[in-house]
Amino acid sequence: MTTRELAKLGLALLVGAAIAFPAGMMVAGSGSRADGTDRAARRDAPAVRDVFSPSIRRDPWFVERQREGIEALEAYCARTGENCPEARAARRGLAKLEAAD
């Protein structure tokens, strides 16, 4: 490669990074809610899993992640009509898990 080609490649990489970084920041920020709170804060769940918890099934972080997954599966069921038996079974499993406390 000539020096001129390397300079063009370097410039293209810089321009690409200058465009990709702000775009990535916008995409990363799109998961938060408009009022500035996220789902975990809404339910007062901890931000991270308690790695010293004697039972993962009693860890509030784990239960909240399970709830989020089930809600997503139920929303998918409502939109498409697919995986509805799985969504109902998952909801029953979560209810049993929460009732065991």
N, C-alpha and C. Protein backbone atom coordinates (compact mmCIF):
# COMPACT_ATOMS: atom_id res chain seq x y z
N MET A 1 0.85 -1.18 0.00
CA MET A 1 0.00 0.00 0.00
C MET A 1 0.89 1.23 0.00
N THR A 2 0.42 2.21 -0.71
CA THR A 2 1.18 3.46 -0.75
C THR A 2 0.79 4.32 0.44
N THR A 3 1.58 5.34 0.66
CA THR A 3 1.33 6.26 1.76
C THR A 3 -0.01 6.96 1.58
N ARG A 4 -0.34 7.26 0.35
CA ARG A 4 -1.60 7.95 0.06
C ARG A 4 -2.79 7.03 0.39
N GLU A 5 -2.67 5.75 0.06
CA GLU A 5 -3.75 4.80 0.37
C GLU A 5 -3.89 4.60 1.87
N LEU A 6 -2.78 4.55 2.57
CA LEU A 6 -2.83 4.42 4.02
C LEU A 6 -3.47 5.65 4.67
N ALA A 7 -3.18 6.81 4.15
CA ALA A 7 -3.78 8.03 4.67
C ALA A 7 -5.29 8.03 4.44
N LYS A 8 -5.72 7.58 3.27
CA LYS A 8 -7.16 7.49 3.00
C LYS A 8 -7.83 6.49 3.93
N LEU A 9 -7.18 5.36 4.15
CA LEU A 9 -7.72 4.34 5.05
C LEU A 9 -7.82 4.87 6.48
N GLY A 10 -6.78 5.54 6.94
CA GLY A 10 -6.79 6.14 8.28
C GLY A 10 -7.89 7.16 8.43
N LEU A 11 -8.06 8.01 7.43
CA LEU A 11 -9.12 9.02 7.45
C LEU A 11 -10.49 8.36 7.46
N ALA A 12 -10.65 7.32 6.66
CA ALA A 12 -11.93 6.61 6.63
C ALA A 12 -12.23 5.97 7.99
N LEU A 13 -11.22 5.42 8.63
CA LEU A 13 -11.41 4.83 9.96
C LEU A 13 -11.80 5.89 10.99
N LEU A 14 -11.16 7.04 10.94
CA LEU A 14 -11.50 8.12 11.87
C LEU A 14 -12.92 8.63 11.65
N VAL A 15 -13.31 8.81 10.41
CA VAL A 15 -14.67 9.26 10.11
C VAL A 15 -15.69 8.21 10.55
N GLY A 16 -15.39 6.95 10.30
CA GLY A 16 -16.29 5.87 10.72
C GLY A 16 -16.45 5.83 12.23
N ALA A 17 -15.35 5.98 12.96
CA ALA A 17 -15.41 5.99 14.42
C ALA A 17 -16.17 7.21 14.93
N ALA A 18 -15.97 8.35 14.27
CA ALA A 18 -16.67 9.57 14.68
C ALA A 18 -18.19 9.44 14.49
N ILE A 19 -18.59 8.65 13.53
CA ILE A 19 -20.02 8.43 13.30
C ILE A 19 -20.55 7.30 14.19
N ALA A 20 -19.78 6.23 14.32
CA ALA A 20 -20.25 5.06 15.06
C ALA A 20 -20.35 5.31 16.56
N PHE A 21 -19.44 6.08 17.14
CA PHE A 21 -19.47 6.28 18.58
C PHE A 21 -20.74 6.99 19.04
N PRO A 22 -21.12 8.15 18.46
CA PRO A 22 -22.37 8.77 18.89
C PRO A 22 -23.60 7.91 18.59
N ALA A 23 -23.55 7.19 17.47
CA ALA A 23 -24.68 6.31 17.15
C ALA A 23 -24.79 5.20 18.18
N GLY A 24 -23.68 4.65 18.61
CA GLY A 24 -23.69 3.62 19.64
C GLY A 24 -24.19 4.15 20.97
N MET A 25 -23.83 5.36 21.31
CA MET A 25 -24.31 5.97 22.55
C MET A 25 -25.83 6.18 22.51
N MET A 26 -26.34 6.58 21.34
CA MET A 26 -27.79 6.76 21.22
C MET A 26 -28.52 5.43 21.34
N VAL A 27 -27.99 4.39 20.72
CA VAL A 27 -28.61 3.08 20.79
C VAL A 27 -28.55 2.54 22.21
N ALA A 28 -27.41 2.71 22.89
CA ALA A 28 -27.27 2.22 24.26
C ALA A 28 -28.21 2.95 25.20
N GLY A 29 -28.47 4.21 24.96
CA GLY A 29 -29.37 4.97 25.81
C GLY A 29 -30.83 4.75 25.51
N SER A 30 -31.14 4.10 24.40
CA SER A 30 -32.54 3.93 24.02
C SER A 30 -33.26 2.92 24.89
N GLY A 31 -32.54 2.12 25.70
CA GLY A 31 -33.17 1.13 26.56
C GLY A 31 -33.78 1.73 27.81
N SER A 32 -33.39 2.95 28.17
CA SER A 32 -33.94 3.55 29.37
C SER A 32 -35.30 4.16 29.06
N ARG A 33 -36.09 4.32 30.09
CA ARG A 33 -37.44 4.84 29.91
C ARG A 33 -37.42 6.35 29.81
N ALA A 34 -38.48 6.92 29.30
CA ALA A 34 -38.55 8.37 29.08
C ALA A 34 -38.49 9.14 30.40
N ASP A 35 -39.01 8.57 31.48
CA ASP A 35 -39.00 9.29 32.75
C ASP A 35 -37.70 9.12 33.52
N GLY A 36 -36.72 8.42 32.90
CA GLY A 36 -35.40 8.30 33.50
C GLY A 36 -35.24 7.12 34.43
N THR A 37 -36.26 6.34 34.62
CA THR A 37 -36.13 5.15 35.48
C THR A 37 -36.11 3.92 34.61
N ASP A 38 -35.43 2.89 35.07
CA ASP A 38 -35.45 1.65 34.32
C ASP A 38 -36.30 0.63 35.07
N ARG A 39 -36.48 -0.51 34.49
CA ARG A 39 -37.38 -1.53 35.05
C ARG A 39 -36.90 -2.01 36.42
N ALA A 40 -35.59 -2.19 36.58
CA ALA A 40 -35.07 -2.69 37.85
C ALA A 40 -35.31 -1.69 38.98
N ALA A 41 -35.15 -0.41 38.69
CA ALA A 41 -35.37 0.60 39.72
C ALA A 41 -36.86 0.69 40.06
N ARG A 42 -37.70 0.43 39.11
CA ARG A 42 -39.13 0.52 39.34
C ARG A 42 -39.58 -0.50 40.38
N ARG A 43 -38.97 -1.67 40.37
CA ARG A 43 -39.38 -2.73 41.30
C ARG A 43 -38.44 -2.83 42.50
N ASP A 44 -37.58 -1.85 42.68
CA ASP A 44 -36.63 -1.83 43.79
C ASP A 44 -35.75 -3.07 43.84
N ALA A 45 -35.44 -3.61 42.69
CA ALA A 45 -34.55 -4.77 42.62
C ALA A 45 -33.11 -4.28 42.63
N PRO A 46 -32.20 -5.05 43.19
CA PRO A 46 -30.80 -4.64 43.19
C PRO A 46 -30.24 -4.61 41.77
N ALA A 47 -29.21 -3.81 41.58
CA ALA A 47 -28.62 -3.64 40.25
C ALA A 47 -27.79 -4.84 39.83
N VAL A 48 -27.27 -5.59 40.79
CA VAL A 48 -26.43 -6.74 40.48
C VAL A 48 -26.85 -7.93 41.32
N ARG A 49 -26.43 -9.10 40.90
CA ARG A 49 -26.74 -10.32 41.63
C ARG A 49 -25.87 -10.43 42.87
N ASP A 50 -26.44 -10.93 43.94
CA ASP A 50 -25.70 -11.19 45.16
C ASP A 50 -24.97 -12.51 45.00
N VAL A 51 -23.68 -12.44 44.70
CA VAL A 51 -22.93 -13.67 44.41
C VAL A 51 -22.75 -14.55 45.64
N PHE A 52 -23.00 -14.01 46.83
CA PHE A 52 -22.87 -14.79 48.06
C PHE A 52 -24.21 -15.32 48.55
N SER A 53 -25.24 -15.14 47.76
CA SER A 53 -26.56 -15.64 48.13
C SER A 53 -26.53 -17.16 48.20
N PRO A 54 -27.04 -17.75 49.29
CA PRO A 54 -27.00 -19.21 49.39
C PRO A 54 -27.93 -19.91 48.40
N SER A 55 -28.92 -19.20 47.91
CA SER A 55 -29.85 -19.79 46.94
C SER A 55 -30.11 -18.78 45.84
N ILE A 56 -29.76 -19.14 44.62
CA ILE A 56 -29.98 -18.23 43.51
C ILE A 56 -31.47 -17.97 43.28
N ARG A 57 -32.29 -18.96 43.60
CA ARG A 57 -33.73 -18.79 43.38
C ARG A 57 -34.36 -17.79 44.34
N ARG A 58 -33.68 -17.46 45.41
CA ARG A 58 -34.20 -16.46 46.35
C ARG A 58 -33.54 -15.09 46.14
N ASP A 59 -32.61 -15.01 45.22
CA ASP A 59 -31.92 -13.75 44.94
C ASP A 59 -32.85 -12.82 44.18
N PRO A 60 -33.13 -11.62 44.71
CA PRO A 60 -34.06 -10.70 44.04
C PRO A 60 -33.64 -10.34 42.62
N TRP A 61 -32.34 -10.22 42.37
CA TRP A 61 -31.87 -9.88 41.03
C TRP A 61 -32.24 -10.98 40.04
N PHE A 62 -32.01 -12.24 40.44
CA PHE A 62 -32.34 -13.37 39.58
C PHE A 62 -33.85 -13.43 39.30
N VAL A 63 -34.65 -13.26 40.34
CA VAL A 63 -36.11 -13.31 40.17
C VAL A 63 -36.57 -12.20 39.23
N GLU A 64 -35.97 -11.03 39.36
CA GLU A 64 -36.36 -9.90 38.48
C GLU A 64 -35.99 -10.20 37.03
N ARG A 65 -34.83 -10.80 36.79
CA ARG A 65 -34.44 -11.16 35.42
C ARG A 65 -35.40 -12.21 34.86
N GLN A 66 -35.81 -13.15 35.68
CA GLN A 66 -36.78 -14.15 35.24
C GLN A 66 -38.10 -13.48 34.88
N ARG A 67 -38.53 -12.55 35.72
CA ARG A 67 -39.78 -11.83 35.46
C ARG A 67 -39.70 -11.06 34.13
N GLU A 68 -38.58 -10.40 33.88
CA GLU A 68 -38.41 -9.66 32.64
C GLU A 68 -38.48 -10.59 31.43
N GLY A 69 -37.85 -11.75 31.54
CA GLY A 69 -37.90 -12.72 30.45
C GLY A 69 -39.31 -13.23 30.20
N ILE A 70 -40.03 -13.48 31.27
CA ILE A 70 -41.41 -13.97 31.13
C ILE A 70 -42.30 -12.89 30.52
N GLU A 71 -42.11 -11.64 30.96
CA GLU A 71 -42.90 -10.55 30.38
C GLU A 71 -42.61 -10.40 28.88
N ALA A 72 -41.36 -10.57 28.49
CA ALA A 72 -41.01 -10.49 27.07
C ALA A 72 -41.66 -11.64 26.30
N LEU A 73 -41.65 -12.83 26.88
CA LEU A 73 -42.27 -13.99 26.23
C LEU A 73 -43.78 -13.79 26.12
N GLU A 74 -44.40 -13.24 27.15
CA GLU A 74 -45.85 -12.97 27.09
C GLU A 74 -46.17 -11.90 26.05
N ALA A 75 -45.34 -10.89 25.94
CA ALA A 75 -45.55 -9.86 24.92
C ALA A 75 -45.41 -10.45 23.53
N TYR A 76 -44.44 -11.35 23.35
CA TYR A 76 -44.27 -12.02 22.06
C TYR A 76 -45.50 -12.87 21.74
N CYS A 77 -46.00 -13.55 22.75
CA CYS A 77 -47.21 -14.37 22.58
C CYS A 77 -48.39 -13.49 22.16
N ALA A 78 -48.52 -12.34 22.82
CA ALA A 78 -49.63 -11.44 22.50
C ALA A 78 -49.51 -10.90 21.07
N ARG A 79 -48.29 -10.64 20.62
CA ARG A 79 -48.08 -10.09 19.27
C ARG A 79 -48.26 -11.13 18.19
N THR A 80 -47.72 -12.33 18.42
CA THR A 80 -47.66 -13.31 17.33
C THR A 80 -48.56 -14.52 17.53
N GLY A 81 -48.97 -14.77 18.76
CA GLY A 81 -49.76 -15.97 19.03
C GLY A 81 -48.91 -17.22 19.15
N GLU A 82 -47.59 -17.08 19.15
CA GLU A 82 -46.68 -18.21 19.25
C GLU A 82 -46.11 -18.29 20.66
N ASN A 83 -45.71 -19.50 21.05
CA ASN A 83 -45.08 -19.76 22.35
C ASN A 83 -45.96 -19.41 23.54
N CYS A 84 -47.26 -19.38 23.36
CA CYS A 84 -48.17 -19.06 24.46
C CYS A 84 -48.17 -20.13 25.55
N PRO A 85 -48.16 -21.43 25.22
CA PRO A 85 -48.09 -22.42 26.31
C PRO A 85 -46.81 -22.28 27.14
N GLU A 86 -45.71 -21.96 26.48
CA GLU A 86 -44.46 -21.77 27.19
C GLU A 86 -44.54 -20.56 28.12
N ALA A 87 -45.17 -19.48 27.64
CA ALA A 87 -45.31 -18.27 28.46
C ALA A 87 -46.17 -18.56 29.69
N ARG A 88 -47.25 -19.31 29.51
CA ARG A 88 -48.11 -19.64 30.66
C ARG A 88 -47.37 -20.53 31.65
N ALA A 89 -46.63 -21.50 31.14
CA ALA A 89 -45.87 -22.39 32.02
C ALA A 89 -44.78 -21.61 32.77
N ALA A 90 -44.14 -20.69 32.10
CA ALA A 90 -43.12 -19.87 32.76
C ALA A 90 -43.73 -19.01 33.85
N ARG A 91 -44.90 -18.45 33.59
CA ARG A 91 -45.58 -17.62 34.59
C ARG A 91 -45.95 -18.47 35.81
N ARG A 92 -46.44 -19.68 35.57
CA ARG A 92 -46.77 -20.58 36.69
C ARG A 92 -45.52 -20.93 37.49
N GLY A 93 -44.42 -21.18 36.80
CA GLY A 93 -43.16 -21.49 37.47
C GLY A 93 -42.67 -20.33 38.32
N LEU A 94 -42.82 -19.11 37.82
CA LEU A 94 -42.42 -17.94 38.60
C LEU A 94 -43.32 -17.78 39.82
N ALA A 95 -44.61 -18.03 39.65
CA ALA A 95 -45.54 -17.94 40.79
C ALA A 95 -45.16 -18.96 41.86
N LYS A 96 -44.78 -20.18 41.46
CA LYS A 96 -44.35 -21.19 42.43
C LYS A 96 -43.07 -20.75 43.13
N LEU A 97 -42.15 -20.18 42.36
CA LEU A 97 -40.90 -19.72 42.92
C LEU A 97 -41.13 -18.63 43.96
N GLU A 98 -42.01 -17.69 43.64
CA GLU A 98 -42.30 -16.60 44.58
C GLU A 98 -43.11 -17.09 45.79
N ALA A 99 -43.96 -18.10 45.60
CA ALA A 99 -44.76 -18.63 46.69
C ALA A 99 -43.90 -19.44 47.66
N ALA A 100 -42.78 -19.95 47.18
CA ALA A 100 -41.90 -20.75 48.04
C ALA A 100 -41.20 -19.92 49.09
N ASP A 101 -41.18 -18.61 48.90
CA ASP A 101 -40.50 -17.72 49.88
C ASP A 101 -41.28 -17.65 51.10
